[in-house]
Amino acid sequence: MKARFLRFAGVKSRARRASTVGLFLTLFASAAHGQGTAEQRRACTPDVYRLCAGEIPNVRAITACLRRNRSSLSEACRSVFDQAGG
């Protein structure tokens, strides 16, 4: 009986670990997708700190702030929004 319980506990632990890893990967993938490519982030990071620091870490709020301040964006960041159609 004890061996069966221990085996069940091991399966339960592995399942919990696998679901935690799956959740982490899902959240990481969605966050990465929302933040653009490394090149796009590099182009807009100075503008985020200059114009939208109060919105960090909310990616949607940062994007909305950058769109609102489009006329004040650096050339590099403005081109990112032009390419994205935003």
PDB file of N, CA and C in Angstrom:
ATOM      1  N   MET A   1       0.819  -1.192   0.000  1.00  0.00           N
ATOM      2  CA  MET A   1       0.000   0.000   0.000  1.00  0.00           C
ATOM      3  C   MET A   1       0.867   1.262   0.000  1.00  0.00           C
ATOM      4  N   LYS A   2       1.898   1.257   0.866  1.00  0.00           N
ATOM      5  CA  LYS A   2       2.771   2.422   0.966  1.00  0.00           C
ATOM      6  C   LYS A   2       3.517   2.665  -0.351  1.00  0.00           C
ATOM      7  N   ALA A   3       3.962   1.594  -0.995  1.00  0.00           N
ATOM      8  CA  ALA A   3       4.683   1.722  -2.260  1.00  0.00           C
ATOM      9  C   ALA A   3       3.789   2.335  -3.332  1.00  0.00           C
ATOM     10  N   ARG A   4       2.518   1.933  -3.348  1.00  0.00           N
ATOM     11  CA  ARG A   4       1.583   2.489  -4.325  1.00  0.00           C
ATOM     12  C   ARG A   4       1.361   3.982  -4.085  1.00  0.00           C
ATOM     13  N   PHE A   5       1.262   4.366  -2.818  1.00  0.00           N
ATOM     14  CA  PHE A   5       1.094   5.773  -2.480  1.00  0.00           C
ATOM     15  C   PHE A   5       2.319   6.581  -2.915  1.00  0.00           C
ATOM     16  N   LEU A   6       3.496   6.055  -2.647  1.00  0.00           N
ATOM     17  CA  LEU A   6       4.712   6.761  -3.028  1.00  0.00           C
ATOM     18  C   LEU A   6       4.827   6.897  -4.543  1.00  0.00           C
ATOM     19  N   ARG A   7       4.435   5.849  -5.268  1.00  0.00           N
ATOM     20  CA  ARG A   7       4.465   5.908  -6.727  1.00  0.00           C
ATOM     21  C   ARG A   7       3.485   6.986  -7.216  1.00  0.00           C
ATOM     22  N   PHE A   8       2.283   7.027  -6.622  1.00  0.00           N
ATOM     23  CA  PHE A   8       1.285   8.031  -7.004  1.00  0.00           C
ATOM     24  C   PHE A   8       1.793   9.442  -6.690  1.00  0.00           C
ATOM     25  N   ALA A   9       2.452   9.605  -5.536  1.00  0.00           N
ATOM     26  CA  ALA A   9       2.996  10.903  -5.149  1.00  0.00           C
ATOM     27  C   ALA A   9       4.064  11.349  -6.148  1.00  0.00           C
ATOM     28  N   GLY A  10       4.879  10.397  -6.622  1.00  0.00           N
ATOM     29  CA  GLY A  10       5.914  10.735  -7.610  1.00  0.00           C
ATOM     30  C   GLY A  10       5.314  11.176  -8.926  1.00  0.00           C
ATOM     31  N   VAL A  11       4.262  10.508  -9.362  1.00  0.00           N
ATOM     32  CA  VAL A  11       3.581  10.878 -10.606  1.00  0.00           C
ATOM     33  C   VAL A  11       2.951  12.258 -10.457  1.00  0.00           C
ATOM     34  N   LYS A  12       2.328  12.485  -9.305  1.00  0.00           N
ATOM     35  CA  LYS A  12       1.682  13.765  -9.047  1.00  0.00           C
ATOM     36  C   LYS A  12       2.721  14.900  -9.061  1.00  0.00           C
ATOM     37  N   SER A  13       3.877  14.646  -8.462  1.00  0.00           N
ATOM     38  CA  SER A  13       4.942  15.640  -8.418  1.00  0.00           C
ATOM     39  C   SER A  13       5.475  15.947  -9.825  1.00  0.00           C
ATOM     40  N   ARG A  14       5.670  14.909 -10.628  1.00  0.00           N
ATOM     41  CA  ARG A  14       6.146  15.120 -12.002  1.00  0.00           C
ATOM     42  C   ARG A  14       5.115  15.880 -12.822  1.00  0.00           C
ATOM     43  N   ALA A  15       3.849  15.555 -12.620  1.00  0.00           N
ATOM     44  CA  ALA A  15       2.785  16.247 -13.361  1.00  0.00           C
ATOM     45  C   ALA A  15       2.745  17.719 -12.967  1.00  0.00           C
ATOM     46  N   ARG A  16       2.884  17.991 -11.684  1.00  0.00           N
ATOM     47  CA  ARG A  16       2.885  19.382 -11.219  1.00  0.00           C
ATOM     48  C   ARG A  16       4.077  20.135 -11.802  1.00  0.00           C
ATOM     49  N   ARG A  17       5.236  19.487 -11.801  1.00  0.00           N
ATOM     50  CA  ARG A  17       6.442  20.116 -12.337  1.00  0.00           C
ATOM     51  C   ARG A  17       6.279  20.389 -13.833  1.00  0.00           C
ATOM     52  N   ALA A  18       5.732  19.427 -14.557  1.00  0.00           N
ATOM     53  CA  ALA A  18       5.544  19.592 -15.999  1.00  0.00           C
ATOM     54  C   ALA A  18       4.546  20.704 -16.293  1.00  0.00           C
ATOM     55  N   SER A  19       3.476  20.783 -15.513  1.00  0.00           N
ATOM     56  CA  SER A  19       2.496  21.833 -15.769  1.00  0.00           C
ATOM     57  C   SER A  19       3.063  23.203 -15.419  1.00  0.00           C
ATOM     58  N   THR A  20       3.892  23.273 -14.384  1.00  0.00           N
ATOM     59  CA  THR A  20       4.528  24.543 -14.021  1.00  0.00           C
ATOM     60  C   THR A  20       5.472  25.001 -15.134  1.00  0.00           C
ATOM     61  N   VAL A  21       6.255  24.075 -15.649  1.00  0.00           N
ATOM     62  CA  VAL A  21       7.167  24.417 -16.750  1.00  0.00           C
ATOM     63  C   VAL A  21       6.370  24.848 -17.979  1.00  0.00           C
ATOM     64  N   GLY A  22       5.283  24.137 -18.272  1.00  0.00           N
ATOM     65  CA  GLY A  22       4.434  24.504 -19.407  1.00  0.00           C
ATOM     66  C   GLY A  22       3.840  25.893 -19.251  1.00  0.00           C
ATOM     67  N   LEU A  23       3.368  26.211 -18.046  1.00  0.00           N
ATOM     68  CA  LEU A  23       2.809  27.536 -17.785  1.00  0.00           C
ATOM     69  C   LEU A  23       3.874  28.609 -17.954  1.00  0.00           C
ATOM     70  N   PHE A  24       5.069  28.346 -17.414  1.00  0.00           N
ATOM     71  CA  PHE A  24       6.164  29.306 -17.538  1.00  0.00           C
ATOM     72  C   PHE A  24       6.505  29.557 -19.005  1.00  0.00           C
ATOM     73  N   LEU A  25       6.609  28.490 -19.788  1.00  0.00           N
ATOM     74  CA  LEU A  25       6.952  28.643 -21.206  1.00  0.00           C
ATOM     75  C   LEU A  25       5.859  29.404 -21.954  1.00  0.00           C
ATOM     76  N   THR A  26       4.601  29.151 -21.619  1.00  0.00           N
ATOM     77  CA  THR A  26       3.499  29.861 -22.257  1.00  0.00           C
ATOM     78  C   THR A  26       3.565  31.349 -21.938  1.00  0.00           C
ATOM     79  N   LEU A  27       3.768  31.672 -20.662  1.00  0.00           N
ATOM     80  CA  LEU A  27       3.850  33.080 -20.272  1.00  0.00           C
ATOM     81  C   LEU A  27       5.059  33.752 -20.907  1.00  0.00           C
ATOM     82  N   PHE A  28       6.182  33.046 -20.927  1.00  0.00           N
ATOM     83  CA  PHE A  28       7.396  33.610 -21.511  1.00  0.00           C
ATOM     84  C   PHE A  28       7.202  33.858 -23.001  1.00  0.00           C
ATOM     85  N   ALA A  29       6.585  32.921 -23.702  1.00  0.00           N
ATOM     86  CA  ALA A  29       6.365  33.067 -25.141  1.00  0.00           C
ATOM     87  C   ALA A  29       5.421  34.227 -25.414  1.00  0.00           C
ATOM     88  N   SER A  30       4.359  34.377 -24.614  1.00  0.00           N
ATOM     89  CA  SER A  30       3.433  35.482 -24.856  1.00  0.00           C
ATOM     90  C   SER A  30       4.101  36.818 -24.573  1.00  0.00           C
ATOM     91  N   ALA A  31       4.878  36.877 -23.530  1.00  0.00           N
ATOM     92  CA  ALA A  31       5.566  38.112 -23.200  1.00  0.00           C
ATOM     93  C   ALA A  31       6.565  38.477 -24.266  1.00  0.00           C
ATOM     94  N   ALA A  32       7.320  37.505 -24.712  1.00  0.00           N
ATOM     95  CA  ALA A  32       8.305  37.769 -25.752  1.00  0.00           C
ATOM     96  C   ALA A  32       7.621  38.217 -27.036  1.00  0.00           C
ATOM     97  N   HIS A  33       6.505  37.593 -27.357  1.00  0.00           N
ATOM     98  CA  HIS A  33       5.781  37.966 -28.570  1.00  0.00           C
ATOM     99  C   HIS A  33       5.297  39.411 -28.474  1.00  0.00           C
ATOM    100  N   GLY A  34       4.817  39.817 -27.307  1.00  0.00           N
ATOM    101  CA  GLY A  34       4.300  41.160 -27.121  1.00  0.00           C
ATOM    102  C   GLY A  34       5.381  42.220 -27.133  1.00  0.00           C
ATOM    103  N   GLN A  35       6.606  41.856 -26.882  1.00  0.00           N
ATOM    104  CA  GLN A  35       7.686  42.820 -26.781  1.00  0.00           C
ATOM    105  C   GLN A  35       8.449  43.016 -28.075  1.00  0.00           C
ATOM    106  N   GLY A  36       8.140  42.296 -29.106  1.00  0.00           N
ATOM    107  CA  GLY A  36       8.826  42.465 -30.374  1.00  0.00           C
ATOM    108  C   GLY A  36      10.168  41.766 -30.396  1.00  0.00           C
ATOM    109  N   THR A  37      10.891  41.974 -31.489  1.00  0.00           N
ATOM    110  CA  THR A  37      12.197  41.338 -31.637  1.00  0.00           C
ATOM    111  C   THR A  37      13.239  42.091 -30.816  1.00  0.00           C
ATOM    112  N   ALA A  38      14.390  41.484 -30.649  1.00  0.00           N
ATOM    113  CA  ALA A  38      15.471  42.138 -29.898  1.00  0.00           C
ATOM    114  C   ALA A  38      15.872  43.447 -30.566  1.00  0.00           C
ATOM    115  N   GLU A  39      15.881  43.457 -31.879  1.00  0.00           N
ATOM    116  CA  GLU A  39      16.240  44.678 -32.622  1.00  0.00           C
ATOM    117  C   GLU A  39      15.209  45.786 -32.384  1.00  0.00           C
ATOM    118  N   GLN A  40      13.929  45.431 -32.393  1.00  0.00           N
ATOM    119  CA  GLN A  40      12.880  46.418 -32.145  1.00  0.00           C
ATOM    120  C   GLN A  40      12.966  46.964 -30.722  1.00  0.00           C
ATOM    121  N   ARG A  41      13.211  46.079 -29.759  1.00  0.00           N
ATOM    122  CA  ARG A  41      13.337  46.533 -28.367  1.00  0.00           C
ATOM    123  C   ARG A  41      14.537  47.456 -28.216  1.00  0.00           C
ATOM    124  N   ARG A  42      15.640  47.111 -28.882  1.00  0.00           N
ATOM    125  CA  ARG A  42      16.850  47.940 -28.816  1.00  0.00           C
ATOM    126  C   ARG A  42      16.583  49.326 -29.391  1.00  0.00           C
ATOM    127  N   ALA A  43      15.809  49.397 -30.462  1.00  0.00           N
ATOM    128  CA  ALA A  43      15.517  50.682 -31.106  1.00  0.00           C
ATOM    129  C   ALA A  43      14.636  51.561 -30.227  1.00  0.00           C
ATOM    130  N   CYS A  44      13.729  50.959 -29.466  1.00  0.00           N
ATOM    131  CA  CYS A  44      12.748  51.748 -28.716  1.00  0.00           C
ATOM    132  C   CYS A  44      13.048  51.879 -27.221  1.00  0.00           C
ATOM    133  N   THR A  45      13.984  51.124 -26.694  1.00  0.00           N
ATOM    134  CA  THR A  45      14.255  51.168 -25.259  1.00  0.00           C
ATOM    135  C   THR A  45      14.573  52.571 -24.746  1.00  0.00           C
ATOM    136  N   PRO A  46      15.438  53.348 -25.411  1.00  0.00           N
ATOM    137  CA  PRO A  46      15.694  54.700 -24.905  1.00  0.00           C
ATOM    138  C   PRO A  46      14.422  55.564 -24.874  1.00  0.00           C
ATOM    139  N   ASP A  47      13.557  55.394 -25.875  1.00  0.00           N
ATOM    140  CA  ASP A  47      12.314  56.167 -25.909  1.00  0.00           C
ATOM    141  C   ASP A  47      11.366  55.729 -24.803  1.00  0.00           C
ATOM    142  N   VAL A  48      11.360  54.440 -24.488  1.00  0.00           N
ATOM    143  CA  VAL A  48      10.510  53.951 -23.399  1.00  0.00           C
ATOM    144  C   VAL A  48      10.946  54.609 -22.094  1.00  0.00           C
ATOM    145  N   TYR A  49      12.245  54.626 -21.820  1.00  0.00           N
ATOM    146  CA  TYR A  49      12.724  55.250 -20.581  1.00  0.00           C
ATOM    147  C   TYR A  49      12.488  56.754 -20.577  1.00  0.00           C
ATOM    148  N   ARG A  50      12.619  57.385 -21.714  1.00  0.00           N
ATOM    149  CA  ARG A  50      12.474  58.839 -21.798  1.00  0.00           C
ATOM    150  C   ARG A  50      11.015  59.269 -21.735  1.00  0.00           C
ATOM    151  N   LEU A  51      10.125  58.533 -22.417  1.00  0.00           N
ATOM    152  CA  LEU A  51       8.735  58.978 -22.568  1.00  0.00           C
ATOM    153  C   LEU A  51       7.718  58.181 -21.752  1.00  0.00           C
ATOM    154  N   CYS A  52       8.018  56.925 -21.443  1.00  0.00           N
ATOM    155  CA  CYS A  52       6.996  56.034 -20.880  1.00  0.00           C
ATOM    156  C   CYS A  52       7.478  55.256 -19.655  1.00  0.00           C
ATOM    157  N   ALA A  53       8.419  55.792 -18.911  1.00  0.00           N
ATOM    158  CA  ALA A  53       8.997  55.061 -17.775  1.00  0.00           C
ATOM    159  C   ALA A  53       7.934  54.653 -16.754  1.00  0.00           C
ATOM    160  N   GLY A  54       6.899  55.446 -16.603  1.00  0.00           N
ATOM    161  CA  GLY A  54       5.850  55.136 -15.637  1.00  0.00           C
ATOM    162  C   GLY A  54       5.016  53.919 -16.004  1.00  0.00           C
ATOM    163  N   GLU A  55       5.123  53.463 -17.247  1.00  0.00           N
ATOM    164  CA  GLU A  55       4.328  52.316 -17.714  1.00  0.00           C
ATOM    165  C   GLU A  55       5.064  50.988 -17.576  1.00  0.00           C
ATOM    166  N   ILE A  56       6.355  51.031 -17.283  1.00  0.00           N
ATOM    167  CA  ILE A  56       7.149  49.807 -17.161  1.00  0.00           C
ATOM    168  C   ILE A  56       6.631  49.020 -15.962  1.00  0.00           C
ATOM    169  N   PRO A  57       6.352  47.746 -16.050  1.00  0.00           N
ATOM    170  CA  PRO A  57       6.666  46.738 -17.046  1.00  0.00           C
ATOM    171  C   PRO A  57       5.484  46.359 -17.949  1.00  0.00           C
ATOM    172  N   ASN A  58       4.409  47.133 -17.947  1.00  0.00           N
ATOM    173  CA  ASN A  58       3.199  46.795 -18.705  1.00  0.00           C
ATOM    174  C   ASN A  58       3.428  47.027 -20.202  1.00  0.00           C
ATOM    175  N   VAL A  59       3.618  45.955 -20.953  1.00  0.00           N
ATOM    176  CA  VAL A  59       3.979  46.042 -22.369  1.00  0.00           C
ATOM    177  C   VAL A  59       2.891  46.749 -23.173  1.00  0.00           C
ATOM    178  N   ARG A  60       1.633  46.429 -22.918  1.00  0.00           N
ATOM    179  CA  ARG A  60       0.538  47.084 -23.657  1.00  0.00           C
ATOM    180  C   ARG A  60       0.497  48.579 -23.392  1.00  0.00           C
ATOM    181  N   ALA A  61       0.689  48.965 -22.131  1.00  0.00           N
ATOM    182  CA  ALA A  61       0.680  50.387 -21.783  1.00  0.00           C
ATOM    183  C   ALA A  61       1.874  51.106 -22.407  1.00  0.00           C
ATOM    184  N   ILE A  62       3.018  50.447 -22.447  1.00  0.00           N
ATOM    185  CA  ILE A  62       4.205  51.045 -23.075  1.00  0.00           C
ATOM    186  C   ILE A  62       3.956  51.263 -24.555  1.00  0.00           C
ATOM    187  N   THR A  63       3.389  50.261 -25.217  1.00  0.00           N
ATOM    188  CA  THR A  63       3.103  50.380 -26.653  1.00  0.00           C
ATOM    189  C   THR A  63       2.133  51.522 -26.906  1.00  0.00           C
ATOM    190  N   ALA A  64       1.082  51.622 -26.100  1.00  0.00           N
ATOM    191  CA  ALA A  64       0.105  52.708 -26.256  1.00  0.00           C
ATOM    192  C   ALA A  64       0.766  54.067 -26.016  1.00  0.00           C
ATOM    193  N   CYS A  65       1.634  54.136 -25.020  1.00  0.00           N
ATOM    194  CA  CYS A  65       2.345  55.386 -24.717  1.00  0.00           C
ATOM    195  C   CYS A  65       3.243  55.797 -25.882  1.00  0.00           C
ATOM    196  N   LEU A  66       3.962  54.832 -26.445  1.00  0.00           N
ATOM    197  CA  LEU A  66       4.835  55.145 -27.580  1.00  0.00           C
ATOM    198  C   LEU A  66       4.013  55.630 -28.770  1.00  0.00           C
ATOM    199  N   ARG A  67       2.865  55.012 -28.985  1.00  0.00           N
ATOM    200  CA  ARG A  67       1.997  55.470 -30.093  1.00  0.00           C
ATOM    201  C   ARG A  67       1.501  56.886 -29.839  1.00  0.00           C
ATOM    202  N   ARG A  68       1.128  57.182 -28.600  1.00  0.00           N
ATOM    203  CA  ARG A  68       0.663  58.542 -28.260  1.00  0.00           C
ATOM    204  C   ARG A  68       1.762  59.576 -28.470  1.00  0.00           C
ATOM    205  N   ASN A  69       2.994  59.171 -28.222  1.00  0.00           N
ATOM    206  CA  ASN A  69       4.131  60.091 -28.321  1.00  0.00           C
ATOM    207  C   ASN A  69       4.904  59.910 -29.619  1.00  0.00           C
ATOM    208  N   ARG A  70       4.241  59.441 -30.638  1.00  0.00           N
ATOM    209  CA  ARG A  70       4.902  59.121 -31.903  1.00  0.00           C
ATOM    210  C   ARG A  70       5.753  60.274 -32.442  1.00  0.00           C
ATOM    211  N   SER A  71       5.266  61.497 -32.314  1.00  0.00           N
ATOM    212  CA  SER A  71       6.016  62.645 -32.845  1.00  0.00           C
ATOM    213  C   SER A  71       7.324  62.879 -32.092  1.00  0.00           C
ATOM    214  N   SER A  72       7.441  62.371 -30.874  1.00  0.00           N
ATOM    215  CA  SER A  72       8.649  62.553 -30.070  1.00  0.00           C
ATOM    216  C   SER A  72       9.600  61.360 -30.130  1.00  0.00           C
ATOM    217  N   LEU A  73       9.223  60.311 -30.863  1.00  0.00           N
ATOM    218  CA  LEU A  73      10.053  59.111 -30.930  1.00  0.00           C
ATOM    219  C   LEU A  73      11.332  59.360 -31.712  1.00  0.00           C
ATOM    220  N   SER A  74      12.362  58.594 -31.373  1.00  0.00           N
ATOM    221  CA  SER A  74      13.598  58.643 -32.149  1.00  0.00           C
ATOM    222  C   SER A  74      13.309  58.067 -33.533  1.00  0.00           C
ATOM    223  N   GLU A  75      14.171  58.363 -34.472  1.00  0.00           N
ATOM    224  CA  GLU A  75      13.992  57.865 -35.845  1.00  0.00           C
ATOM    225  C   GLU A  75      13.929  56.338 -35.862  1.00  0.00           C
ATOM    226  N   ALA A  76      14.822  55.698 -35.093  1.00  0.00           N
ATOM    227  CA  ALA A  76      14.875  54.225 -35.079  1.00  0.00           C
ATOM    228  C   ALA A  76      13.572  53.627 -34.565  1.00  0.00           C
ATOM    229  N   CYS A  77      13.044  54.172 -33.486  1.00  0.00           N
ATOM    230  CA  CYS A  77      11.816  53.634 -32.919  1.00  0.00           C
ATOM    231  C   CYS A  77      10.612  53.961 -33.814  1.00  0.00           C
ATOM    232  N   ARG A  78      10.601  55.134 -34.384  1.00  0.00           N
ATOM    233  CA  ARG A  78       9.511  55.490 -35.288  1.00  0.00           C
ATOM    234  C   ARG A  78       9.460  54.533 -36.484  1.00  0.00           C
ATOM    235  N   SER A  79      10.633  54.134 -36.982  1.00  0.00           N
ATOM    236  CA  SER A  79      10.652  53.211 -38.106  1.00  0.00           C
ATOM    237  C   SER A  79      10.107  51.840 -37.716  1.00  0.00           C
ATOM    238  N   VAL A  80      10.297  51.432 -36.453  1.00  0.00           N
ATOM    239  CA  VAL A  80       9.718  50.175 -35.964  1.00  0.00           C
ATOM    240  C   VAL A  80       8.198  50.246 -36.052  1.00  0.00           C
ATOM    241  N   PHE A  81       7.620  51.367 -35.630  1.00  0.00           N
ATOM    242  CA  PHE A  81       6.166  51.513 -35.680  1.00  0.00           C
ATOM    243  C   PHE A  81       5.676  51.654 -37.117  1.00  0.00           C
ATOM    244  N   ASP A  82       6.465  52.292 -37.969  1.00  0.00           N
ATOM    245  CA  ASP A  82       6.084  52.396 -39.383  1.00  0.00           C
ATOM    246  C   ASP A  82       6.055  51.015 -40.043  1.00  0.00           C
ATOM    247  N   GLN A  83       7.050  50.195 -39.736  1.00  0.00           N
ATOM    248  CA  GLN A  83       7.110  48.843 -40.303  1.00  0.00           C
ATOM    249  C   GLN A  83       5.963  47.968 -39.811  1.00  0.00           C
ATOM    250  N   ALA A  84       5.581  48.174 -38.538  1.00  0.00           N
ATOM    251  CA  ALA A  84       4.525  47.354 -37.939  1.00  0.00           C
ATOM    252  C   ALA A  84       3.139  47.877 -38.324  1.00  0.00           C
ATOM    253  N   GLY A  85       3.091  49.035 -38.928  1.00  0.00           N
ATOM    254  CA  GLY A  85       1.797  49.599 -39.294  1.00  0.00           C
ATOM    255  C   GLY A  85       1.086  50.229 -38.115  1.00  0.00           C
ATOM    256  N   GLY A  86       1.822  50.545 -37.074  1.00  0.00           N
ATOM    257  CA  GLY A  86       1.200  51.092 -35.867  1.00  0.00           C
ATOM    258  C   GLY A  86       1.576  52.491 -35.708  1.00  0.00           C
TER     259      GLY A  86
END
